[in-house]
Amino acid sequence: LILQLECIVVEDIFLQPLISQTLAALLTKYRIDTVLKAPQHAQREHDAAKLLPALLKAVCSETVAAREIALTWIIDLLSHWDPPAASHLAQFLLQDEDRNVAQRA
Protein backbone atom coordinates (compact mmCIF):
# COMPACT_ATOMS: atom_id res chain seq x y z
CA LEU A 1 0.00 0.00 0.00
CA ILE A 2 2.63 2.52 1.02
CA LEU A 3 4.73 1.60 -2.00
CA GLN A 4 1.73 2.11 -4.28
CA LEU A 5 1.07 5.55 -2.79
CA GLU A 6 4.69 6.49 -3.28
CA CYS A 7 4.61 5.19 -6.86
CA ILE A 8 1.66 7.34 -7.86
CA VAL A 9 3.59 10.42 -6.71
CA VAL A 10 6.53 9.77 -9.04
CA GLU A 11 5.04 7.74 -11.92
CA ASP A 12 4.47 9.20 -15.33
CA ILE A 13 0.96 9.90 -16.55
CA PHE A 14 0.65 6.60 -18.43
CA LEU A 15 0.88 4.38 -15.35
CA GLN A 16 -1.15 6.58 -12.99
CA PRO A 17 -4.55 5.09 -13.97
CA LEU A 18 -3.30 1.57 -13.26
CA ILE A 19 -1.86 2.59 -9.90
CA SER A 20 -5.10 4.44 -9.07
CA GLN A 21 -7.11 1.28 -9.82
CA THR A 22 -4.79 -0.77 -7.63
CA LEU A 23 -5.11 1.70 -4.77
CA ALA A 24 -8.90 1.74 -5.14
CA ALA A 25 -8.97 -2.06 -4.88
CA LEU A 26 -6.73 -1.94 -1.80
CA LEU A 27 -8.98 0.67 -0.21
CA THR A 28 -11.97 -1.61 -0.68
CA LYS A 29 -10.10 -4.42 1.09
CA TYR A 30 -9.02 -2.12 3.94
CA ARG A 31 -12.62 -0.92 4.38
CA ILE A 32 -13.90 -4.50 4.55
CA ASP A 33 -11.17 -5.50 7.01
CA THR A 34 -11.89 -2.48 9.17
CA VAL A 35 -15.60 -3.31 9.34
CA LEU A 36 -15.16 -7.07 9.84
CA LYS A 37 -12.26 -7.03 12.25
CA ALA A 38 -13.12 -3.78 14.06
CA PRO A 39 -9.52 -3.17 15.17
CA GLN A 40 -8.88 -1.60 18.54
CA HIS A 41 -8.25 2.13 18.74
CA ALA A 42 -4.53 1.64 19.40
CA GLN A 43 -4.20 -0.61 16.35
CA ARG A 44 -6.00 1.91 14.12
CA GLU A 45 -3.68 4.70 15.30
CA HIS A 46 -0.67 2.46 14.68
CA ASP A 47 -1.87 1.68 11.15
CA ALA A 48 -2.60 5.35 10.50
CA ALA A 49 0.89 6.35 11.68
CA LYS A 50 2.46 3.98 9.15
CA LEU A 51 0.29 5.41 6.37
CA LEU A 52 0.74 9.13 7.13
CA PRO A 53 4.16 9.74 5.50
CA ALA A 54 3.03 8.25 2.17
CA LEU A 55 -0.27 10.13 2.31
CA LEU A 56 1.54 13.37 3.05
CA LYS A 57 3.77 12.87 0.01
CA ALA A 58 0.71 12.19 -2.14
CA VAL A 59 -1.15 15.24 -0.78
CA CYS A 60 1.86 17.45 -1.59
CA SER A 61 2.43 15.87 -5.00
CA GLU A 62 2.38 17.90 -8.19
CA THR A 63 0.20 15.27 -9.87
CA VAL A 64 -3.55 15.59 -9.54
CA ALA A 65 -4.00 11.80 -9.60
CA ALA A 66 -1.86 11.43 -6.47
CA ARG A 67 -3.78 14.15 -4.64
CA GLU A 68 -7.12 12.66 -5.69
CA ILE A 69 -6.28 9.16 -4.49
CA ALA A 70 -4.79 10.53 -1.27
CA LEU A 71 -8.01 12.44 -0.60
CA THR A 72 -10.06 9.29 -1.22
CA TRP A 73 -7.95 7.40 1.33
CA ILE A 74 -8.22 10.31 3.78
CA ILE A 75 -12.01 10.46 3.50
CA ASP A 76 -12.75 6.74 3.36
CA LEU A 77 -10.22 5.33 5.80
CA LEU A 78 -7.97 7.76 7.67
CA SER A 79 -10.97 9.76 8.91
CA HIS A 80 -12.04 6.63 10.82
CA TRP A 81 -8.57 5.71 12.06
CA ASP A 82 -7.18 9.13 12.97
CA PRO A 83 -9.74 11.94 12.56
CA PRO A 84 -7.41 14.83 13.56
CA ALA A 85 -4.76 13.79 11.01
CA ALA A 86 -7.42 13.31 8.33
CA SER A 87 -8.82 16.74 9.07
CA HIS A 88 -5.42 18.45 8.75
CA LEU A 89 -4.60 16.73 5.46
CA ALA A 90 -8.03 17.48 4.02
CA GLN A 91 -7.79 21.13 5.08
CA PHE A 92 -4.53 21.42 3.17
CA LEU A 93 -6.33 20.18 0.05
CA LEU A 94 -9.08 22.81 0.40
CA GLN A 95 -6.71 25.21 -1.36
CA ASP A 96 -5.76 22.73 -4.09
CA GLU A 97 -5.26 24.15 -7.58
CA ASP A 98 -7.50 21.42 -9.01
CA ARG A 99 -11.11 22.50 -8.47
CA ASN A 100 -12.40 18.92 -8.08
CA VAL A 101 -9.88 18.06 -5.38
CA ALA A 102 -10.59 21.30 -3.49
CA GLN A 103 -14.36 20.74 -3.62
CA ARG A 104 -14.08 17.14 -2.37
CA ALA A 105 -11.82 18.21 0.49
PDB file of N, CA and C in Angstrom:
ATOM      1  N   LEU A   1       0.814  -1.193   0.000  1.00  0.00           N
ATOM      2  CA  LEU A   1       0.000   0.000   0.000  1.00  0.00           C
ATOM      3  C   LEU A   1       0.859   1.259   0.000  1.00  0.00           C
ATOM      4  N   ILE A   2       1.776   1.329   0.916  1.00  0.00           N
ATOM      5  CA  ILE A   2       2.630   2.517   1.018  1.00  0.00           C
ATOM      6  C   ILE A   2       3.463   2.666  -0.247  1.00  0.00           C
ATOM      7  N   LEU A   3       3.965   1.566  -0.751  1.00  0.00           N
ATOM      8  CA  LEU A   3       4.732   1.604  -1.996  1.00  0.00           C
ATOM      9  C   LEU A   3       3.868   2.099  -3.155  1.00  0.00           C
ATOM     10  N   GLN A   4       2.630   1.652  -3.223  1.00  0.00           N
ATOM     11  CA  GLN A   4       1.731   2.110  -4.283  1.00  0.00           C
ATOM     12  C   GLN A   4       1.477   3.608  -4.181  1.00  0.00           C
ATOM     13  N   LEU A   5       1.270   4.108  -2.967  1.00  0.00           N
ATOM     14  CA  LEU A   5       1.069   5.546  -2.788  1.00  0.00           C
ATOM     15  C   LEU A   5       2.304   6.334  -3.217  1.00  0.00           C
ATOM     16  N   GLU A   6       3.470   5.809  -2.892  1.00  0.00           N
ATOM     17  CA  GLU A   6       4.691   6.492  -3.285  1.00  0.00           C
ATOM     18  C   GLU A   6       4.906   6.422  -4.789  1.00  0.00           C
ATOM     19  N   CYS A   7       4.473   5.330  -5.407  1.00  0.00           N
ATOM     20  CA  CYS A   7       4.610   5.189  -6.861  1.00  0.00           C
ATOM     21  C   CYS A   7       3.750   6.192  -7.610  1.00  0.00           C
ATOM     22  N   ILE A   8       2.540   6.427  -7.132  1.00  0.00           N
ATOM     23  CA  ILE A   8       1.661   7.344  -7.858  1.00  0.00           C
ATOM     24  C   ILE A   8       2.202   8.769  -7.825  1.00  0.00           C
ATOM     25  N   VAL A   9       2.996   9.083  -6.820  1.00  0.00           N
ATOM     26  CA  VAL A   9       3.592  10.421  -6.710  1.00  0.00           C
ATOM     27  C   VAL A   9       4.639  10.635  -7.795  1.00  0.00           C
ATOM     28  N   VAL A  10       5.404   9.592  -8.123  1.00  0.00           N
ATOM     29  CA  VAL A  10       6.530   9.772  -9.043  1.00  0.00           C
ATOM     30  C   VAL A  10       6.314   9.181 -10.431  1.00  0.00           C
ATOM     31  N   GLU A  11       5.251   8.403 -10.630  1.00  0.00           N
ATOM     32  CA  GLU A  11       5.044   7.744 -11.923  1.00  0.00           C
ATOM     33  C   GLU A  11       4.616   8.727 -12.996  1.00  0.00           C
ATOM     34  N   ASP A  12       4.916   8.361 -14.222  1.00  0.00           N
ATOM     35  CA  ASP A  12       4.469   9.198 -15.329  1.00  0.00           C
ATOM     36  C   ASP A  12       2.974   9.013 -15.541  1.00  0.00           C
ATOM     37  N   ILE A  13       2.412   9.848 -16.354  1.00  0.00           N
ATOM     38  CA  ILE A  13       0.963   9.903 -16.548  1.00  0.00           C
ATOM     39  C   ILE A  13       0.377   8.610 -17.109  1.00  0.00           C
ATOM     40  N   PHE A  14       1.170   7.819 -17.800  1.00  0.00           N
ATOM     41  CA  PHE A  14       0.655   6.604 -18.426  1.00  0.00           C
ATOM     42  C   PHE A  14       0.352   5.493 -17.418  1.00  0.00           C
ATOM     43  N   LEU A  15       1.102   5.430 -16.343  1.00  0.00           N
ATOM     44  CA  LEU A  15       0.877   4.379 -15.351  1.00  0.00           C
ATOM     45  C   LEU A  15      -0.032   4.815 -14.206  1.00  0.00           C
ATOM     46  N   GLN A  16      -0.327   6.103 -14.101  1.00  0.00           N
ATOM     47  CA  GLN A  16      -1.145   6.580 -12.992  1.00  0.00           C
ATOM     48  C   GLN A  16      -2.531   5.940 -12.942  1.00  0.00           C
ATOM     49  N   PRO A  17      -3.228   5.745 -14.071  1.00  0.00           N
ATOM     50  CA  PRO A  17      -4.546   5.085 -13.972  1.00  0.00           C
ATOM     51  C   PRO A  17      -4.464   3.671 -13.397  1.00  0.00           C
ATOM     52  N   LEU A  18      -3.458   2.924 -13.778  1.00  0.00           N
ATOM     53  CA  LEU A  18      -3.296   1.568 -13.263  1.00  0.00           C
ATOM     54  C   LEU A  18      -3.020   1.587 -11.757  1.00  0.00           C
ATOM     55  N   ILE A  19      -2.162   2.481 -11.335  1.00  0.00           N
ATOM     56  CA  ILE A  19      -1.859   2.591  -9.903  1.00  0.00           C
ATOM     57  C   ILE A  19      -3.100   3.051  -9.142  1.00  0.00           C
ATOM     58  N   SER A  20      -3.862   3.981  -9.719  1.00  0.00           N
ATOM     59  CA  SER A  20      -5.102   4.443  -9.075  1.00  0.00           C
ATOM     60  C   SER A  20      -6.084   3.293  -8.900  1.00  0.00           C
ATOM     61  N   GLN A  21      -6.208   2.439  -9.917  1.00  0.00           N
ATOM     62  CA  GLN A  21      -7.108   1.283  -9.819  1.00  0.00           C
ATOM     63  C   GLN A  21      -6.644   0.327  -8.731  1.00  0.00           C
ATOM     64  N   THR A  22      -5.346   0.111  -8.652  1.00  0.00           N
ATOM     65  CA  THR A  22      -4.792  -0.775  -7.629  1.00  0.00           C
ATOM     66  C   THR A  22      -5.072  -0.224  -6.241  1.00  0.00           C
ATOM     67  N   LEU A  23      -4.867   1.084  -6.073  1.00  0.00           N
ATOM     68  CA  LEU A  23      -5.112   1.702  -4.775  1.00  0.00           C
ATOM     69  C   LEU A  23      -6.598   1.679  -4.418  1.00  0.00           C
ATOM     70  N   ALA A  24      -7.462   1.828  -5.399  1.00  0.00           N
ATOM     71  CA  ALA A  24      -8.903   1.744  -5.142  1.00  0.00           C
ATOM     72  C   ALA A  24      -9.283   0.341  -4.672  1.00  0.00           C
ATOM     73  N   ALA A  25      -8.701  -0.676  -5.292  1.00  0.00           N
ATOM     74  CA  ALA A  25      -8.968  -2.058  -4.878  1.00  0.00           C
ATOM     75  C   ALA A  25      -8.450  -2.311  -3.458  1.00  0.00           C
ATOM     76  N   LEU A  26      -7.275  -1.787  -3.154  1.00  0.00           N
ATOM     77  CA  LEU A  26      -6.730  -1.944  -1.801  1.00  0.00           C
ATOM     78  C   LEU A  26      -7.608  -1.237  -0.770  1.00  0.00           C
ATOM     79  N   LEU A  27      -8.118  -0.069  -1.132  1.00  0.00           N
ATOM     80  CA  LEU A  27      -8.984   0.668  -0.214  1.00  0.00           C
ATOM     81  C   LEU A  27     -10.240  -0.136   0.099  1.00  0.00           C
ATOM     82  N   THR A  28     -10.799  -0.771  -0.901  1.00  0.00           N
ATOM     83  CA  THR A  28     -11.972  -1.610  -0.681  1.00  0.00           C
ATOM     84  C   THR A  28     -11.654  -2.716   0.316  1.00  0.00           C
ATOM     85  N   LYS A  29     -10.506  -3.350   0.162  1.00  0.00           N
ATOM     86  CA  LYS A  29     -10.097  -4.415   1.092  1.00  0.00           C
ATOM     87  C   LYS A  29      -9.907  -3.865   2.507  1.00  0.00           C
ATOM     88  N   TYR A  30      -9.234  -2.723   2.617  1.00  0.00           N
ATOM     89  CA  TYR A  30      -9.021  -2.124   3.936  1.00  0.00           C
ATOM     90  C   TYR A  30     -10.347  -1.773   4.604  1.00  0.00           C
ATOM     91  N   ARG A  31     -11.300  -1.251   3.820  1.00  0.00           N
ATOM     92  CA  ARG A  31     -12.618  -0.920   4.381  1.00  0.00           C
ATOM     93  C   ARG A  31     -13.305  -2.170   4.911  1.00  0.00           C
ATOM     94  N   ILE A  32     -13.269  -3.234   4.137  1.00  0.00           N
ATOM     95  CA  ILE A  32     -13.902  -4.495   4.553  1.00  0.00           C
ATOM     96  C   ILE A  32     -13.232  -5.021   5.813  1.00  0.00           C
ATOM     97  N   ASP A  33     -11.899  -5.024   5.833  1.00  0.00           N
ATOM     98  CA  ASP A  33     -11.170  -5.502   7.011  1.00  0.00           C
ATOM     99  C   ASP A  33     -11.484  -4.665   8.242  1.00  0.00           C
ATOM    100  N   THR A  34     -11.604  -3.359   8.048  1.00  0.00           N
ATOM    101  CA  THR A  34     -11.886  -2.477   9.171  1.00  0.00           C
ATOM    102  C   THR A  34     -13.264  -2.767   9.745  1.00  0.00           C
ATOM    103  N   VAL A  35     -14.238  -3.017   8.883  1.00  0.00           N
ATOM    104  CA  VAL A  35     -15.596  -3.310   9.343  1.00  0.00           C
ATOM    105  C   VAL A  35     -15.660  -4.689   9.981  1.00  0.00           C
ATOM    106  N   LEU A  36     -15.066  -5.693   9.337  1.00  0.00           N
ATOM    107  CA  LEU A  36     -15.163  -7.066   9.836  1.00  0.00           C
ATOM    108  C   LEU A  36     -14.344  -7.299  11.097  1.00  0.00           C
ATOM    109  N   LYS A  37     -13.151  -6.768  11.118  1.00  0.00           N
ATOM    110  CA  LYS A  37     -12.257  -7.032  12.250  1.00  0.00           C
ATOM    111  C   LYS A  37     -12.417  -6.024  13.372  1.00  0.00           C
ATOM    112  N   ALA A  38     -12.943  -4.841  13.070  1.00  0.00           N
ATOM    113  CA  ALA A  38     -13.118  -3.777  14.062  1.00  0.00           C
ATOM    114  C   ALA A  38     -11.882  -3.656  14.958  1.00  0.00           C
ATOM    115  N   PRO A  39     -10.739  -3.250  14.376  1.00  0.00           N
ATOM    116  CA  PRO A  39      -9.522  -3.169  15.174  1.00  0.00           C
ATOM    117  C   PRO A  39      -9.643  -2.185  16.332  1.00  0.00           C
ATOM    118  N   GLN A  40      -8.897  -2.470  17.375  1.00  0.00           N
ATOM    119  CA  GLN A  40      -8.883  -1.602  18.542  1.00  0.00           C
ATOM    120  C   GLN A  40      -8.334  -0.232  18.173  1.00  0.00           C
ATOM    121  N   HIS A  41      -8.673   0.757  18.990  1.00  0.00           N
ATOM    122  CA  HIS A  41      -8.255   2.133  18.741  1.00  0.00           C
ATOM    123  C   HIS A  41      -6.733   2.244  18.596  1.00  0.00           C
ATOM    124  N   ALA A  42      -5.994   1.578  19.459  1.00  0.00           N
ATOM    125  CA  ALA A  42      -4.533   1.644  19.404  1.00  0.00           C
ATOM    126  C   ALA A  42      -4.005   1.061  18.091  1.00  0.00           C
ATOM    127  N   GLN A  43      -4.623  -0.001  17.608  1.00  0.00           N
ATOM    128  CA  GLN A  43      -4.198  -0.610  16.349  1.00  0.00           C
ATOM    129  C   GLN A  43      -4.495   0.321  15.180  1.00  0.00           C
ATOM    130  N   ARG A  44      -5.646   0.972  15.192  1.00  0.00           N
ATOM    131  CA  ARG A  44      -5.995   1.912  14.118  1.00  0.00           C
ATOM    132  C   ARG A  44      -5.002   3.072  14.086  1.00  0.00           C
ATOM    133  N   GLU A  45      -4.647   3.600  15.257  1.00  0.00           N
ATOM    134  CA  GLU A  45      -3.680   4.699  15.304  1.00  0.00           C
ATOM    135  C   GLU A  45      -2.321   4.238  14.801  1.00  0.00           C
ATOM    136  N   HIS A  46      -1.939   3.014  15.147  1.00  0.00           N
ATOM    137  CA  HIS A  46      -0.665   2.463  14.684  1.00  0.00           C
ATOM    138  C   HIS A  46      -0.668   2.328  13.159  1.00  0.00           C
ATOM    139  N   ASP A  47      -1.753   1.815  12.606  1.00  0.00           N
ATOM    140  CA  ASP A  47      -1.873   1.681  11.148  1.00  0.00           C
ATOM    141  C   ASP A  47      -1.871   3.046  10.472  1.00  0.00           C
ATOM    142  N   ALA A  48      -2.556   3.994  11.064  1.00  0.00           N
ATOM    143  CA  ALA A  48      -2.598   5.346  10.501  1.00  0.00           C
ATOM    144  C   ALA A  48      -1.203   5.979  10.510  1.00  0.00           C
ATOM    145  N   ALA A  49      -0.458   5.776  11.581  1.00  0.00           N
ATOM    146  CA  ALA A  49       0.887   6.352  11.677  1.00  0.00           C
ATOM    147  C   ALA A  49       1.801   5.818  10.581  1.00  0.00           C
ATOM    148  N   LYS A  50       1.645   4.549  10.231  1.00  0.00           N
ATOM    149  CA  LYS A  50       2.461   3.982   9.154  1.00  0.00           C
ATOM    150  C   LYS A  50       2.069   4.569   7.799  1.00  0.00           C
ATOM    151  N   LEU A  51       0.818   4.918   7.642  1.00  0.00           N
ATOM    152  CA  LEU A  51       0.292   5.410   6.373  1.00  0.00           C
ATOM    153  C   LEU A  51       0.532   6.908   6.151  1.00  0.00           C
ATOM    154  N   LEU A  52       0.662   7.663   7.229  1.00  0.00           N
ATOM    155  CA  LEU A  52       0.739   9.128   7.128  1.00  0.00           C
ATOM    156  C   LEU A  52       1.878   9.662   6.251  1.00  0.00           C
ATOM    157  N   PRO A  53       3.112   9.174   6.353  1.00  0.00           N
ATOM    158  CA  PRO A  53       4.162   9.744   5.497  1.00  0.00           C
ATOM    159  C   PRO A  53       3.864   9.604   4.002  1.00  0.00           C
ATOM    160  N   ALA A  54       3.352   8.448   3.585  1.00  0.00           N
ATOM    161  CA  ALA A  54       3.031   8.247   2.166  1.00  0.00           C
ATOM    162  C   ALA A  54       1.849   9.127   1.755  1.00  0.00           C
ATOM    163  N   LEU A  55       0.858   9.264   2.626  1.00  0.00           N
ATOM    164  CA  LEU A  55      -0.272  10.134   2.310  1.00  0.00           C
ATOM    165  C   LEU A  55       0.164  11.591   2.216  1.00  0.00           C
ATOM    166  N   LEU A  56       1.047  11.993   3.092  1.00  0.00           N
ATOM    167  CA  LEU A  56       1.544  13.371   3.053  1.00  0.00           C
ATOM    168  C   LEU A  56       2.278  13.651   1.746  1.00  0.00           C
ATOM    169  N   LYS A  57       3.092  12.705   1.303  1.00  0.00           N
ATOM    170  CA  LYS A  57       3.766  12.869   0.010  1.00  0.00           C
ATOM    171  C   LYS A  57       2.761  12.988  -1.116  1.00  0.00           C
ATOM    172  N   ALA A  58       1.718  12.161  -1.081  1.00  0.00           N
ATOM    173  CA  ALA A  58       0.709  12.195  -2.136  1.00  0.00           C
ATOM    174  C   ALA A  58      -0.085  13.499  -2.107  1.00  0.00           C
ATOM    175  N   VAL A  59      -0.409  13.978  -0.923  1.00  0.00           N
ATOM    176  CA  VAL A  59      -1.146  15.239  -0.783  1.00  0.00           C
ATOM    177  C   VAL A  59      -0.328  16.410  -1.326  1.00  0.00           C
ATOM    178  N   CYS A  60       0.970  16.361  -1.146  1.00  0.00           N
ATOM    179  CA  CYS A  60       1.863  17.448  -1.589  1.00  0.00           C
ATOM    180  C   CYS A  60       2.375  17.244  -3.015  1.00  0.00           C
ATOM    181  N   SER A  61       1.957  16.196  -3.666  1.00  0.00           N
ATOM    182  CA  SER A  61       2.429  15.874  -5.002  1.00  0.00           C
ATOM    183  C   SER A  61       1.974  16.900  -6.034  1.00  0.00           C
ATOM    184  N   GLU A  62       2.750  17.019  -7.088  1.00  0.00           N
ATOM    185  CA  GLU A  62       2.378  17.896  -8.189  1.00  0.00           C
ATOM    186  C   GLU A  62       1.335  17.255  -9.093  1.00  0.00           C
ATOM    187  N   THR A  63       1.157  15.946  -8.999  1.00  0.00           N
ATOM    188  CA  THR A  63       0.203  15.271  -9.872  1.00  0.00           C
ATOM    189  C   THR A  63      -1.178  15.236  -9.232  1.00  0.00           C
ATOM    190  N   VAL A  64      -2.171  15.573 -10.022  1.00  0.00           N
ATOM    191  CA  VAL A  64      -3.553  15.590  -9.544  1.00  0.00           C
ATOM    192  C   VAL A  64      -3.993  14.188  -9.144  1.00  0.00           C
ATOM    193  N   ALA A  65      -3.600  13.179  -9.898  1.00  0.00           N
ATOM    194  CA  ALA A  65      -4.004  11.799  -9.596  1.00  0.00           C
ATOM    195  C   ALA A  65      -3.557  11.391  -8.194  1.00  0.00           C
ATOM    196  N   ALA A  66      -2.362  11.774  -7.807  1.00  0.00           N
ATOM    197  CA  ALA A  66      -1.864  11.432  -6.472  1.00  0.00           C
ATOM    198  C   ALA A  66      -2.677  12.137  -5.396  1.00  0.00           C
ATOM    199  N   ARG A  67      -2.989  13.401  -5.622  1.00  0.00           N
ATOM    200  CA  ARG A  67      -3.778  14.145  -4.636  1.00  0.00           C
ATOM    201  C   ARG A  67      -5.205  13.607  -4.553  1.00  0.00           C
ATOM    202  N   GLU A  68      -5.767  13.218  -5.694  1.00  0.00           N
ATOM    203  CA  GLU A  68      -7.123  12.657  -5.690  1.00  0.00           C
ATOM    204  C   GLU A  68      -7.186  11.344  -4.918  1.00  0.00           C
ATOM    205  N   ILE A  69      -6.250  10.452  -5.173  1.00  0.00           N
ATOM    206  CA  ILE A  69      -6.285   9.158  -4.493  1.00  0.00           C
ATOM    207  C   ILE A  69      -5.971   9.326  -3.006  1.00  0.00           C
ATOM    208  N   ALA A  70      -5.077  10.261  -2.676  1.00  0.00           N
ATOM    209  CA  ALA A  70      -4.790  10.528  -1.266  1.00  0.00           C
ATOM    210  C   ALA A  70      -6.046  11.026  -0.560  1.00  0.00           C
ATOM    211  N   LEU A  71      -6.785  11.921  -1.203  1.00  0.00           N
ATOM    212  CA  LEU A  71      -8.007  12.436  -0.599  1.00  0.00           C
ATOM    213  C   LEU A  71      -9.040  11.322  -0.411  1.00  0.00           C
ATOM    214  N   THR A  72      -9.134  10.421  -1.354  1.00  0.00           N
ATOM    215  CA  THR A  72     -10.056   9.293  -1.219  1.00  0.00           C
ATOM    216  C   THR A  72      -9.686   8.456   0.006  1.00  0.00           C
ATOM    217  N   TRP A  73      -8.404   8.170   0.176  1.00  0.00           N
ATOM    218  CA  TRP A  73      -7.948   7.399   1.333  1.00  0.00           C
ATOM    219  C   TRP A  73      -8.189   8.166   2.629  1.00  0.00           C
ATOM    220  N   ILE A  74      -7.996   9.479   2.591  1.00  0.00           N
ATOM    221  CA  ILE A  74      -8.219  10.308   3.782  1.00  0.00           C
ATOM    222  C   ILE A  74      -9.687  10.251   4.189  1.00  0.00           C
ATOM    223  N   ILE A  75     -10.582  10.429   3.216  1.00  0.00           N
ATOM    224  CA  ILE A  75     -12.011  10.459   3.498  1.00  0.00           C
ATOM    225  C   ILE A  75     -12.526   9.084   3.918  1.00  0.00           C
ATOM    226  N   ASP A  76     -12.159   8.059   3.167  1.00  0.00           N
ATOM    227  CA  ASP A  76     -12.748   6.735   3.364  1.00  0.00           C
ATOM    228  C   ASP A  76     -12.109   5.899   4.465  1.00  0.00           C
ATOM    229  N   LEU A  77     -10.880   6.194   4.829  1.00  0.00           N
ATOM    230  CA  LEU A  77     -10.218   5.332   5.803  1.00  0.00           C
ATOM    231  C   LEU A  77      -9.583   6.119   6.946  1.00  0.00           C
ATOM    232  N   LEU A  78      -8.702   7.052   6.618  1.00  0.00           N
ATOM    233  CA  LEU A  78      -7.973   7.764   7.672  1.00  0.00           C
ATOM    234  C   LEU A  78      -8.916   8.524   8.595  1.00  0.00           C
ATOM    235  N   SER A  79     -10.022   9.026   8.064  1.00  0.00           N
ATOM    236  CA  SER A  79     -10.972   9.762   8.908  1.00  0.00           C
ATOM    237  C   SER A  79     -11.561   8.875  10.011  1.00  0.00           C
ATOM    238  N   HIS A  80     -11.555   7.561   9.810  1.00  0.00           N
ATOM    239  CA  HIS A  80     -12.040   6.627  10.821  1.00  0.00           C
ATOM    240  C   HIS A  80     -10.919   6.194  11.772  1.00  0.00           C
ATOM    241  N   TRP A  81      -9.707   6.159  11.263  1.00  0.00           N
ATOM    242  CA  TRP A  81      -8.569   5.710  12.064  1.00  0.00           C
ATOM    243  C   TRP A  81      -7.967   6.831  12.896  1.00  0.00           C
ATOM    244  N   ASP A  82      -7.832   8.004  12.304  1.00  0.00           N
ATOM    245  CA  ASP A  82      -7.180   9.133  12.970  1.00  0.00           C
ATOM    246  C   ASP A  82      -7.833  10.430  12.483  1.00  0.00           C
ATOM    247  N   PRO A  83      -9.007  10.770  13.046  1.00  0.00           N
ATOM    248  CA  PRO A  83      -9.737  11.942  12.564  1.00  0.00           C
ATOM    249  C   PRO A  83      -8.954  13.260  12.570  1.00  0.00           C
ATOM    250  N   PRO A  84      -8.161  13.558  13.606  1.00  0.00           N
ATOM    251  CA  PRO A  84      -7.413  14.830  13.555  1.00  0.00           C
ATOM    252  C   PRO A  84      -6.423  14.891  12.385  1.00  0.00           C
ATOM    253  N   ALA A  85      -5.716  13.805  12.128  1.00  0.00           N
ATOM    254  CA  ALA A  85      -4.760  13.790  11.011  1.00  0.00           C
ATOM    255  C   ALA A  85      -5.503  13.921   9.687  1.00  0.00           C
ATOM    256  N   ALA A  86      -6.628  13.221   9.554  1.00  0.00           N
ATOM    257  CA  ALA A  86      -7.420  13.309   8.334  1.00  0.00           C
ATOM    258  C   ALA A  86      -7.907  14.731   8.109  1.00  0.00           C
ATOM    259  N   SER A  87      -8.333  15.372   9.168  1.00  0.00           N
ATOM    260  CA  SER A  87      -8.824  16.744   9.067  1.00  0.00           C
ATOM    261  C   SER A  87      -7.728  17.696   8.599  1.00  0.00           C
ATOM    262  N   HIS A  88      -6.534  17.563   9.149  1.00  0.00           N
ATOM    263  CA  HIS A  88      -5.420  18.446   8.751  1.00  0.00           C
ATOM    264  C   HIS A  88      -5.035  18.245   7.289  1.00  0.00           C
ATOM    265  N   LEU A  89      -4.951  17.005   6.858  1.00  0.00           N
ATOM    266  CA  LEU A  89      -4.600  16.734   5.464  1.00  0.00           C
ATOM    267  C   LEU A  89      -5.681  17.227   4.509  1.00  0.00           C
ATOM    268  N   ALA A  90      -6.936  17.016   4.868  1.00  0.00           N
ATOM    269  CA  ALA A  90      -8.033  17.477   4.019  1.00  0.00           C
ATOM    270  C   ALA A  90      -8.078  19.002   3.964  1.00  0.00           C
ATOM    271  N   GLN A  91      -7.803  19.666   5.069  1.00  0.00           N
ATOM    272  CA  GLN A  91      -7.788  21.131   5.081  1.00  0.00           C
ATOM    273  C   GLN A  91      -6.714  21.676   4.150  1.00  0.00           C
ATOM    274  N   PHE A  92      -5.583  21.005   4.094  1.00  0.00           N
ATOM    275  CA  PHE A  92      -4.526  21.416   3.165  1.00  0.00           C
ATOM    276  C   PHE A  92      -5.033  21.369   1.730  1.00  0.00           C
ATOM    277  N   LEU A  93      -5.827  20.351   1.418  1.00  0.00           N
ATOM    278  CA  LEU A  93      -6.332  20.178   0.054  1.00  0.00           C
ATOM    279  C   LEU A  93      -7.490  21.114  -0.291  1.00  0.00           C
ATOM    280  N   LEU A  94      -8.029  21.832   0.688  1.00  0.00           N
ATOM    281  CA  LEU A  94      -9.078  22.808   0.402  1.00  0.00           C
ATOM    282  C   LEU A  94      -8.590  23.893  -0.554  1.00  0.00           C
ATOM    283  N   GLN A  95      -7.300  24.169  -0.516  1.00  0.00           N
ATOM    284  CA  GLN A  95      -6.709  25.207  -1.364  1.00  0.00           C
ATOM    285  C   GLN A  95      -6.062  24.629  -2.615  1.00  0.00           C
ATOM    286  N   ASP A  96      -6.395  23.394  -2.946  1.00  0.00           N
ATOM    287  CA  ASP A  96      -5.765  22.734  -4.090  1.00  0.00           C
ATOM    288  C   ASP A  96      -6.070  23.476  -5.387  1.00  0.00           C
ATOM    289  N   GLU A  97      -5.087  23.476  -6.294  1.00  0.00           N
ATOM    290  CA  GLU A  97      -5.264  24.152  -7.581  1.00  0.00           C
ATOM    291  C   GLU A  97      -6.276  23.453  -8.479  1.00  0.00           C
ATOM    292  N   ASP A  98      -6.489  22.158  -8.249  1.00  0.00           N
ATOM    293  CA  ASP A  98      -7.497  21.421  -9.007  1.00  0.00           C
ATOM    294  C   ASP A  98      -8.850  21.612  -8.311  1.00  0.00           C
ATOM    295  N   ARG A  99      -9.801  22.160  -9.028  1.00  0.00           N
ATOM    296  CA  ARG A  99     -11.107  22.498  -8.467  1.00  0.00           C
ATOM    297  C   ARG A  99     -11.809  21.272  -7.881  1.00  0.00           C
ATOM    298  N   ASN A 100     -11.725  20.135  -8.565  1.00  0.00           N
ATOM    299  CA  ASN A 100     -12.402  18.917  -8.081  1.00  0.00           C
ATOM    300  C   ASN A 100     -11.829  18.445  -6.753  1.00  0.00           C
ATOM    301  N   VAL A 101     -10.517  18.480  -6.629  1.00  0.00           N
ATOM    302  CA  VAL A 101      -9.880  18.060  -5.381  1.00  0.00           C
ATOM    303  C   VAL A 101     -10.292  19.011  -4.251  1.00  0.00           C
ATOM    304  N   ALA A 102     -10.238  20.305  -4.520  1.00  0.00           N
ATOM    305  CA  ALA A 102     -10.591  21.301  -3.491  1.00  0.00           C
ATOM    306  C   ALA A 102     -12.043  21.145  -3.042  1.00  0.00           C
ATOM    307  N   GLN A 103     -12.948  20.894  -3.972  1.00  0.00           N
ATOM    308  CA  GLN A 103     -14.356  20.738  -3.616  1.00  0.00           C
ATOM    309  C   GLN A 103     -14.595  19.480  -2.790  1.00  0.00           C
ATOM    310  N   ARG A 104     -13.911  18.391  -3.129  1.00  0.00           N
ATOM    311  CA  ARG A 104     -14.081  17.140  -2.370  1.00  0.00           C
ATOM    312  C   ARG A 104     -13.530  17.267  -0.956  1.00  0.00           C
ATOM    313  N   ALA A 105     -12.454  18.043  -0.828  1.00  0.00           N
ATOM    314  CA  ALA A 105     -11.824  18.212   0.490  1.00  0.00           C
ATOM    315  C   ALA A 105     -12.767  18.969   1.407  1.00  0.00           C
TER     316      ALA A 105
END
